[in-house]
């Protein structure tokens, strides 16, 4: 059970870093058109899209990725609590 917990938390952490890198790529011109940018778009956009529909941008600032990352952090905390409850 501990191995599964470690795998899931590592996967969530890796995905969080992918989101952060994808978000930072928006600051650089044409960075999202590269192969890495397109790969990150394929794995990050489906997760970010529901947050973008719910949370409107504040001027030119899109805070939906921050909320999306916080949801992943809360999911990690929930997994931790579930693991403690099952142990």
PDB file of N, CA and C in Angstrom:
ATOM      1  N   UNK A   1       0.820  -1.189   0.000  1.00  0.00           N
ATOM      2  CA  UNK A   1       0.000   0.000   0.000  1.00  0.00           C
ATOM      3  C   UNK A   1       0.871   1.264   0.000  1.00  0.00           C
ATOM      4  N   UNK A   2       1.962   1.200   0.751  1.00  0.00           N
ATOM      5  CA  UNK A   2       2.873   2.334   0.816  1.00  0.00           C
ATOM      6  C   UNK A   2       3.499   2.618  -0.545  1.00  0.00           C
ATOM      7  N   UNK A   3       3.798   1.586  -1.293  1.00  0.00           N
ATOM      8  CA  UNK A   3       4.371   1.738  -2.626  1.00  0.00           C
ATOM      9  C   UNK A   3       3.387   2.446  -3.561  1.00  0.00           C
ATOM     10  N   UNK A   4       2.118   2.084  -3.479  1.00  0.00           N
ATOM     11  CA  UNK A   4       1.088   2.732  -4.290  1.00  0.00           C
ATOM     12  C   UNK A   4       0.959   4.209  -3.922  1.00  0.00           C
ATOM     13  N   UNK A   5       0.972   4.499  -2.618  1.00  0.00           N
ATOM     14  CA  UNK A   5       0.890   5.886  -2.156  1.00  0.00           C
ATOM     15  C   UNK A   5       2.074   6.689  -2.692  1.00  0.00           C
ATOM     16  N   UNK A   6       3.278   6.150  -2.585  1.00  0.00           N
ATOM     17  CA  UNK A   6       4.459   6.851  -3.088  1.00  0.00           C
ATOM     18  C   UNK A   6       4.382   7.067  -4.596  1.00  0.00           C
ATOM     19  N   UNK A   7       3.901   6.067  -5.313  1.00  0.00           N
ATOM     20  CA  UNK A   7       3.769   6.193  -6.763  1.00  0.00           C
ATOM     21  C   UNK A   7       2.788   7.299  -7.125  1.00  0.00           C
ATOM     22  N   UNK A   8       1.624   7.319  -6.480  1.00  0.00           N
ATOM     23  CA  UNK A   8       0.608   8.327  -6.790  1.00  0.00           C
ATOM     24  C   UNK A   8       1.067   9.732  -6.427  1.00  0.00           C
ATOM     25  N   UNK A   9       1.705   9.885  -5.271  1.00  0.00           N
ATOM     26  CA  UNK A   9       2.173  11.221  -4.894  1.00  0.00           C
ATOM     27  C   UNK A   9       3.307  11.680  -5.809  1.00  0.00           C
ATOM     28  N   UNK A  10       4.160  10.764  -6.229  1.00  0.00           N
ATOM     29  CA  UNK A  10       5.224  11.123  -7.170  1.00  0.00           C
ATOM     30  C   UNK A  10       4.637  11.525  -8.519  1.00  0.00           C
ATOM     31  N   UNK A  11       3.610  10.821  -8.951  1.00  0.00           N
ATOM     32  CA  UNK A  11       2.951  11.139 -10.213  1.00  0.00           C
ATOM     33  C   UNK A  11       2.289  12.518 -10.149  1.00  0.00           C
ATOM     34  N   UNK A  12       1.635  12.814  -9.035  1.00  0.00           N
ATOM     35  CA  UNK A  12       1.003  14.125  -8.871  1.00  0.00           C
ATOM     36  C   UNK A  12       2.061  15.218  -8.837  1.00  0.00           C
ATOM     37  N   UNK A  13       3.162  14.968  -8.155  1.00  0.00           N
ATOM     38  CA  UNK A  13       4.243  15.950  -8.096  1.00  0.00           C
ATOM     39  C   UNK A  13       4.835  16.193  -9.483  1.00  0.00           C
ATOM     40  N   UNK A  14       5.058  15.147 -10.231  1.00  0.00           N
ATOM     41  CA  UNK A  14       5.590  15.272 -11.585  1.00  0.00           C
ATOM     42  C   UNK A  14       4.630  16.060 -12.475  1.00  0.00           C
ATOM     43  N   UNK A  15       3.343  15.792 -12.347  1.00  0.00           N
ATOM     44  CA  UNK A  15       2.347  16.508 -13.137  1.00  0.00           C
ATOM     45  C   UNK A  15       2.293  17.982 -12.731  1.00  0.00           C
ATOM     46  N   UNK A  16       2.454  18.258 -11.445  1.00  0.00           N
ATOM     47  CA  UNK A  16       2.484  19.652 -10.985  1.00  0.00           C
ATOM     48  C   UNK A  16       3.658  20.392 -11.609  1.00  0.00           C
ATOM     49  N   UNK A  17       4.812  19.745 -11.671  1.00  0.00           N
ATOM     50  CA  UNK A  17       5.972  20.370 -12.305  1.00  0.00           C
ATOM     51  C   UNK A  17       5.742  20.565 -13.797  1.00  0.00           C
ATOM     52  N   UNK A  18       5.077  19.630 -14.436  1.00  0.00           N
ATOM     53  CA  UNK A  18       4.757  19.790 -15.859  1.00  0.00           C
ATOM     54  C   UNK A  18       3.853  21.002 -16.060  1.00  0.00           C
ATOM     55  N   UNK A  19       2.886  21.193 -15.167  1.00  0.00           N
ATOM     56  CA  UNK A  19       2.009  22.364 -15.248  1.00  0.00           C
ATOM     57  C   UNK A  19       2.802  23.648 -15.063  1.00  0.00           C
ATOM     58  N   UNK A  20       3.692  23.668 -14.096  1.00  0.00           N
ATOM     59  CA  UNK A  20       4.489  24.865 -13.837  1.00  0.00           C
ATOM     60  C   UNK A  20       5.354  25.202 -15.052  1.00  0.00           C
ATOM     61  N   UNK A  21       5.995  24.212 -15.616  1.00  0.00           N
ATOM     62  CA  UNK A  21       6.837  24.453 -16.798  1.00  0.00           C
ATOM     63  C   UNK A  21       5.984  24.943 -17.961  1.00  0.00           C
ATOM     64  N   UNK A  22       4.816  24.334 -18.141  1.00  0.00           N
ATOM     65  CA  UNK A  22       3.919  24.745 -19.228  1.00  0.00           C
ATOM     66  C   UNK A  22       3.464  26.189 -19.041  1.00  0.00           C
ATOM     67  N   UNK A  23       3.174  26.557 -17.819  1.00  0.00           N
ATOM     68  CA  UNK A  23       2.745  27.931 -17.533  1.00  0.00           C
ATOM     69  C   UNK A  23       3.892  28.908 -17.788  1.00  0.00           C
ATOM     70  N   UNK A  24       5.093  28.556 -17.346  1.00  0.00           N
ATOM     71  CA  UNK A  24       6.243  29.438 -17.554  1.00  0.00           C
ATOM     72  C   UNK A  24       6.587  29.581 -19.039  1.00  0.00           C
ATOM     73  N   UNK A  25       6.288  28.569 -19.821  1.00  0.00           N
ATOM     74  CA  UNK A  25       6.563  28.645 -21.263  1.00  0.00           C
ATOM     75  C   UNK A  25       5.740  29.738 -21.939  1.00  0.00           C
ATOM     76  N   UNK A  26       4.621  30.132 -21.328  1.00  0.00           N
ATOM     77  CA  UNK A  26       3.800  31.186 -21.926  1.00  0.00           C
ATOM     78  C   UNK A  26       4.507  32.541 -21.855  1.00  0.00           C
ATOM     79  N   UNK A  27       5.525  32.675 -21.043  1.00  0.00           N
ATOM     80  CA  UNK A  27       6.246  33.934 -20.931  1.00  0.00           C
ATOM     81  C   UNK A  27       7.255  34.127 -22.058  1.00  0.00           C
ATOM     82  N   UNK A  28       7.590  33.047 -22.754  1.00  0.00           N
ATOM     83  CA  UNK A  28       8.601  33.107 -23.793  1.00  0.00           C
ATOM     84  C   UNK A  28       7.950  32.943 -25.162  1.00  0.00           C
ATOM     85  N   UNK A  29       8.273  33.832 -26.099  1.00  0.00           N
ATOM     86  CA  UNK A  29       7.653  33.742 -27.423  1.00  0.00           C
ATOM     87  C   UNK A  29       7.986  32.416 -28.120  1.00  0.00           C
ATOM     88  N   UNK A  30       6.986  31.822 -28.706  1.00  0.00           N
ATOM     89  CA  UNK A  30       7.095  30.591 -29.496  1.00  0.00           C
ATOM     90  C   UNK A  30       7.573  29.372 -28.709  1.00  0.00           C
ATOM     91  N   UNK A  31       7.628  29.434 -27.396  1.00  0.00           N
ATOM     92  CA  UNK A  31       8.083  28.282 -26.605  1.00  0.00           C
ATOM     93  C   UNK A  31       7.060  27.148 -26.650  1.00  0.00           C
ATOM     94  N   UNK A  32       5.797  27.500 -26.742  1.00  0.00           N
ATOM     95  CA  UNK A  32       4.767  26.453 -26.767  1.00  0.00           C
ATOM     96  C   UNK A  32       4.648  25.776 -28.123  1.00  0.00           C
ATOM     97  N   UNK A  33       5.287  26.331 -29.137  1.00  0.00           N
ATOM     98  CA  UNK A  33       5.259  25.712 -30.457  1.00  0.00           C
ATOM     99  C   UNK A  33       6.348  24.662 -30.630  1.00  0.00           C
ATOM    100  N   UNK A  34       7.248  24.546 -29.683  1.00  0.00           N
ATOM    101  CA  UNK A  34       8.303  23.532 -29.754  1.00  0.00           C
ATOM    102  C   UNK A  34       7.713  22.154 -29.468  1.00  0.00           C
ATOM    103  N   UNK A  35       8.489  21.126 -29.668  1.00  0.00           N
ATOM    104  CA  UNK A  35       8.026  19.768 -29.405  1.00  0.00           C
ATOM    105  C   UNK A  35       7.655  19.562 -27.949  1.00  0.00           C
ATOM    106  N   UNK A  36       8.482  20.095 -27.053  1.00  0.00           N
ATOM    107  CA  UNK A  36       8.191  19.966 -25.615  1.00  0.00           C
ATOM    108  C   UNK A  36       6.935  20.737 -25.269  1.00  0.00           C
ATOM    109  N   UNK A  37       6.796  21.925 -25.838  1.00  0.00           N
ATOM    110  CA  UNK A  37       5.607  22.734 -25.586  1.00  0.00           C
ATOM    111  C   UNK A  37       4.331  22.057 -26.056  1.00  0.00           C
ATOM    112  N   UNK A  38       4.390  21.428 -27.215  1.00  0.00           N
ATOM    113  CA  UNK A  38       3.213  20.725 -27.735  1.00  0.00           C
ATOM    114  C   UNK A  38       2.888  19.496 -26.891  1.00  0.00           C
ATOM    115  N   UNK A  39       3.924  18.786 -26.431  1.00  0.00           N
ATOM    116  CA  UNK A  39       3.694  17.628 -25.562  1.00  0.00           C
ATOM    117  C   UNK A  39       3.059  18.069 -24.251  1.00  0.00           C
ATOM    118  N   UNK A  40       3.592  19.139 -23.651  1.00  0.00           N
ATOM    119  CA  UNK A  40       3.020  19.633 -22.404  1.00  0.00           C
ATOM    120  C   UNK A  40       1.587  20.134 -22.605  1.00  0.00           C
ATOM    121  N   UNK A  41       1.316  20.724 -23.760  1.00  0.00           N
ATOM    122  CA  UNK A  41      -0.044  21.185 -24.049  1.00  0.00           C
ATOM    123  C   UNK A  41      -1.015  20.010 -24.104  1.00  0.00           C
ATOM    124  N   UNK A  42      -0.571  18.897 -24.698  1.00  0.00           N
ATOM    125  CA  UNK A  42      -1.452  17.722 -24.791  1.00  0.00           C
ATOM    126  C   UNK A  42      -1.776  17.132 -23.422  1.00  0.00           C
ATOM    127  N   UNK A  43      -0.830  17.212 -22.476  1.00  0.00           N
ATOM    128  CA  UNK A  43      -1.107  16.614 -21.174  1.00  0.00           C
ATOM    129  C   UNK A  43      -1.644  17.622 -20.152  1.00  0.00           C
ATOM    130  N   UNK A  44      -1.406  18.918 -20.364  1.00  0.00           N
ATOM    131  CA  UNK A  44      -1.826  19.918 -19.379  1.00  0.00           C
ATOM    132  C   UNK A  44      -3.158  20.590 -19.716  1.00  0.00           C
ATOM    133  N   UNK A  45      -3.403  20.859 -20.986  1.00  0.00           N
ATOM    134  CA  UNK A  45      -4.622  21.579 -21.370  1.00  0.00           C
ATOM    135  C   UNK A  45      -5.913  20.868 -20.971  1.00  0.00           C
ATOM    136  N   UNK A  46      -6.021  19.536 -21.119  1.00  0.00           N
ATOM    137  CA  UNK A  46      -7.282  18.899 -20.687  1.00  0.00           C
ATOM    138  C   UNK A  46      -7.574  19.089 -19.200  1.00  0.00           C
ATOM    139  N   UNK A  47      -6.542  19.201 -18.384  1.00  0.00           N
ATOM    140  CA  UNK A  47      -6.744  19.420 -16.950  1.00  0.00           C
ATOM    141  C   UNK A  47      -7.035  20.892 -16.664  1.00  0.00           C
ATOM    142  N   UNK A  48      -6.386  21.804 -17.376  1.00  0.00           N
ATOM    143  CA  UNK A  48      -6.564  23.231 -17.124  1.00  0.00           C
ATOM    144  C   UNK A  48      -7.878  23.779 -17.678  1.00  0.00           C
ATOM    145  N   UNK A  49      -8.407  23.166 -18.719  1.00  0.00           N
ATOM    146  CA  UNK A  49      -9.608  23.683 -19.384  1.00  0.00           C
ATOM    147  C   UNK A  49     -10.809  23.868 -18.448  1.00  0.00           C
ATOM    148  N   UNK A  50     -11.168  22.891 -17.611  1.00  0.00           N
ATOM    149  CA  UNK A  50     -12.321  23.126 -16.716  1.00  0.00           C
ATOM    150  C   UNK A  50     -12.095  24.298 -15.758  1.00  0.00           C
ATOM    151  N   UNK A  51     -10.879  24.491 -15.297  1.00  0.00           N
ATOM    152  CA  UNK A  51     -10.591  25.610 -14.401  1.00  0.00           C
ATOM    153  C   UNK A  51     -10.705  26.937 -15.138  1.00  0.00           C
ATOM    154  N   UNK A  52     -10.304  26.965 -16.397  1.00  0.00           N
ATOM    155  CA  UNK A  52     -10.404  28.194 -17.191  1.00  0.00           C
ATOM    156  C   UNK A  52     -11.858  28.549 -17.489  1.00  0.00           C
ATOM    157  N   UNK A  53     -12.714  27.537 -17.593  1.00  0.00           N
ATOM    158  CA  UNK A  53     -14.136  27.811 -17.827  1.00  0.00           C
ATOM    159  C   UNK A  53     -14.792  28.379 -16.582  1.00  0.00           C
ATOM    160  N   UNK A  54     -14.347  27.946 -15.396  1.00  0.00           N
ATOM    161  CA  UNK A  54     -14.964  28.372 -14.142  1.00  0.00           C
ATOM    162  C   UNK A  54     -14.398  29.704 -13.656  1.00  0.00           C
ATOM    163  N   UNK A  55     -13.084  29.879 -13.765  1.00  0.00           N
ATOM    164  CA  UNK A  55     -12.415  31.051 -13.196  1.00  0.00           C
ATOM    165  C   UNK A  55     -12.060  32.021 -14.323  1.00  0.00           C
ATOM    166  N   UNK A  56     -12.686  33.188 -14.350  1.00  0.00           N
ATOM    167  CA  UNK A  56     -12.366  34.152 -15.413  1.00  0.00           C
ATOM    168  C   UNK A  56     -11.007  34.806 -15.148  1.00  0.00           C
ATOM    169  N   UNK A  57     -10.315  35.228 -16.205  1.00  0.00           N
ATOM    170  CA  UNK A  57      -9.036  35.923 -16.010  1.00  0.00           C
ATOM    171  C   UNK A  57      -9.247  37.272 -15.329  1.00  0.00           C
ATOM    172  N   UNK A  58      -8.267  37.665 -14.545  1.00  0.00           N
ATOM    173  CA  UNK A  58      -8.293  38.979 -13.896  1.00  0.00           C
ATOM    174  C   UNK A  58      -7.446  39.929 -14.734  1.00  0.00           C
ATOM    175  N   UNK A  59      -8.099  40.605 -15.650  1.00  0.00           N
ATOM    176  CA  UNK A  59      -7.366  41.446 -16.582  1.00  0.00           C
ATOM    177  C   UNK A  59      -6.580  40.572 -17.543  1.00  0.00           C
ATOM    178  N   UNK A  60      -5.258  40.688 -17.500  1.00  0.00           N
ATOM    179  CA  UNK A  60      -4.412  39.868 -18.354  1.00  0.00           C
ATOM    180  C   UNK A  60      -3.808  38.701 -17.591  1.00  0.00           C
ATOM    181  N   UNK A  61      -4.231  38.516 -16.358  1.00  0.00           N
ATOM    182  CA  UNK A  61      -3.664  37.462 -15.516  1.00  0.00           C
ATOM    183  C   UNK A  61      -4.664  36.316 -15.402  1.00  0.00           C
ATOM    184  N   UNK A  62      -4.204  35.132 -15.741  1.00  0.00           N
ATOM    185  CA  UNK A  62      -5.015  33.924 -15.641  1.00  0.00           C
ATOM    186  C   UNK A  62      -4.598  33.179 -14.373  1.00  0.00           C
ATOM    187  N   UNK A  63      -5.484  33.191 -13.363  1.00  0.00           N
ATOM    188  CA  UNK A  63      -5.137  32.532 -12.101  1.00  0.00           C
ATOM    189  C   UNK A  63      -5.613  31.081 -12.036  1.00  0.00           C
ATOM    190  N   UNK A  64      -6.266  30.619 -13.085  1.00  0.00           N
ATOM    191  CA  UNK A  64      -6.772  29.246 -13.066  1.00  0.00           C
ATOM    192  C   UNK A  64      -5.666  28.195 -12.921  1.00  0.00           C
ATOM    193  N   UNK A  65      -4.465  28.371 -13.492  1.00  0.00           N
ATOM    194  CA  UNK A  65      -3.421  27.370 -13.250  1.00  0.00           C
ATOM    195  C   UNK A  65      -2.999  27.278 -11.782  1.00  0.00           C
ATOM    196  N   UNK A  66      -3.046  28.414 -11.073  1.00  0.00           N
ATOM    197  CA  UNK A  66      -2.707  28.388  -9.654  1.00  0.00           C
ATOM    198  C   UNK A  66      -3.723  27.555  -8.892  1.00  0.00           C
ATOM    199  N   UNK A  67      -4.993  27.748  -9.209  1.00  0.00           N
ATOM    200  CA  UNK A  67      -6.048  26.965  -8.565  1.00  0.00           C
ATOM    201  C   UNK A  67      -5.909  25.494  -8.926  1.00  0.00           C
ATOM    202  N   UNK A  68      -5.565  25.207 -10.180  1.00  0.00           N
ATOM    203  CA  UNK A  68      -5.390  23.818 -10.620  1.00  0.00           C
ATOM    204  C   UNK A  68      -4.257  23.138  -9.852  1.00  0.00           C
ATOM    205  N   UNK A  69      -3.161  23.857  -9.629  1.00  0.00           N
ATOM    206  CA  UNK A  69      -2.045  23.292  -8.872  1.00  0.00           C
ATOM    207  C   UNK A  69      -2.434  23.100  -7.412  1.00  0.00           C
ATOM    208  N   UNK A  70      -3.193  24.038  -6.847  1.00  0.00           N
ATOM    209  CA  UNK A  70      -3.657  23.878  -5.470  1.00  0.00           C
ATOM    210  C   UNK A  70      -4.564  22.661  -5.321  1.00  0.00           C
ATOM    211  N   UNK A  71      -5.397  22.407  -6.317  1.00  0.00           N
ATOM    212  CA  UNK A  71      -6.257  21.218  -6.278  1.00  0.00           C
ATOM    213  C   UNK A  71      -5.400  19.951  -6.263  1.00  0.00           C
ATOM    214  N   UNK A  72      -4.333  19.933  -7.038  1.00  0.00           N
ATOM    215  CA  UNK A  72      -3.432  18.780  -7.013  1.00  0.00           C
ATOM    216  C   UNK A  72      -2.785  18.620  -5.642  1.00  0.00           C
ATOM    217  N   UNK A  73      -2.410  19.728  -5.016  1.00  0.00           N
ATOM    218  CA  UNK A  73      -1.811  19.662  -3.674  1.00  0.00           C
ATOM    219  C   UNK A  73      -2.825  19.140  -2.660  1.00  0.00           C
ATOM    220  N   UNK A  74      -4.063  19.598  -2.768  1.00  0.00           N
ATOM    221  CA  UNK A  74      -5.108  19.086  -1.872  1.00  0.00           C
ATOM    222  C   UNK A  74      -5.353  17.600  -2.115  1.00  0.00           C
ATOM    223  N   UNK A  75      -5.260  17.170  -3.359  1.00  0.00           N
ATOM    224  CA  UNK A  75      -5.419  15.742  -3.673  1.00  0.00           C
ATOM    225  C   UNK A  75      -4.311  14.929  -3.019  1.00  0.00           C
ATOM    226  N   UNK A  76      -3.102  15.464  -3.013  1.00  0.00           N
ATOM    227  CA  UNK A  76      -1.996  14.779  -2.351  1.00  0.00           C
ATOM    228  C   UNK A  76      -2.264  14.674  -0.853  1.00  0.00           C
ATOM    229  N   UNK A  77      -2.756  15.753  -0.260  1.00  0.00           N
ATOM    230  CA  UNK A  77      -3.107  15.718   1.161  1.00  0.00           C
ATOM    231  C   UNK A  77      -4.222  14.728   1.436  1.00  0.00           C
ATOM    232  N   UNK A  78      -5.200  14.670   0.550  1.00  0.00           N
ATOM    233  CA  UNK A  78      -6.292  13.709   0.709  1.00  0.00           C
ATOM    234  C   UNK A  78      -5.801  12.277   0.599  1.00  0.00           C
ATOM    235  N   UNK A  79      -4.888  12.025  -0.328  1.00  0.00           N
ATOM    236  CA  UNK A  79      -4.295  10.686  -0.436  1.00  0.00           C
ATOM    237  C   UNK A  79      -3.533  10.322   0.831  1.00  0.00           C
ATOM    238  N   UNK A  80      -2.840  11.318   1.385  1.00  0.00           N
ATOM    239  CA  UNK A  80      -2.094  11.078   2.620  1.00  0.00           C
ATOM    240  C   UNK A  80      -3.036  10.711   3.758  1.00  0.00           C
ATOM    241  N   UNK A  81      -4.129  11.447   3.870  1.00  0.00           N
ATOM    242  CA  UNK A  81      -5.109  11.156   4.928  1.00  0.00           C
ATOM    243  C   UNK A  81      -5.747   9.783   4.704  1.00  0.00           C
ATOM    244  N   UNK A  82      -6.049   9.450   3.475  1.00  0.00           N
ATOM    245  CA  UNK A  82      -6.632   8.144   3.166  1.00  0.00           C
ATOM    246  C   UNK A  82      -5.650   7.031   3.517  1.00  0.00           C
ATOM    247  N   UNK A  83      -4.379   7.249   3.200  1.00  0.00           N
ATOM    248  CA  UNK A  83      -3.368   6.248   3.518  1.00  0.00           C
ATOM    249  C   UNK A  83      -3.258   6.082   5.032  1.00  0.00           C
ATOM    250  N   UNK A  84      -3.278   7.174   5.782  1.00  0.00           N
ATOM    251  CA  UNK A  84      -3.202   7.067   7.241  1.00  0.00           C
ATOM    252  C   UNK A  84      -4.435   6.364   7.812  1.00  0.00           C
ATOM    253  N   UNK A  85      -5.596   6.602   7.226  1.00  0.00           N
ATOM    254  CA  UNK A  85      -6.819   5.990   7.700  1.00  0.00           C
ATOM    255  C   UNK A  85      -6.816   4.469   7.435  1.00  0.00           C
ATOM    256  N   UNK A  86      -6.237   4.086   6.296  1.00  0.00           N
ATOM    257  CA  UNK A  86      -6.224   2.665   5.929  1.00  0.00           C
ATOM    258  C   UNK A  86      -5.120   1.905   6.648  1.00  0.00           C
ATOM    259  N   UNK A  87      -4.081   2.593   7.109  1.00  0.00           N
ATOM    260  CA  UNK A  87      -2.952   1.905   7.746  1.00  0.00           C
ATOM    261  C   UNK A  87      -3.245   1.539   9.175  1.00  0.00           C
TER     262      UNK A  87
END
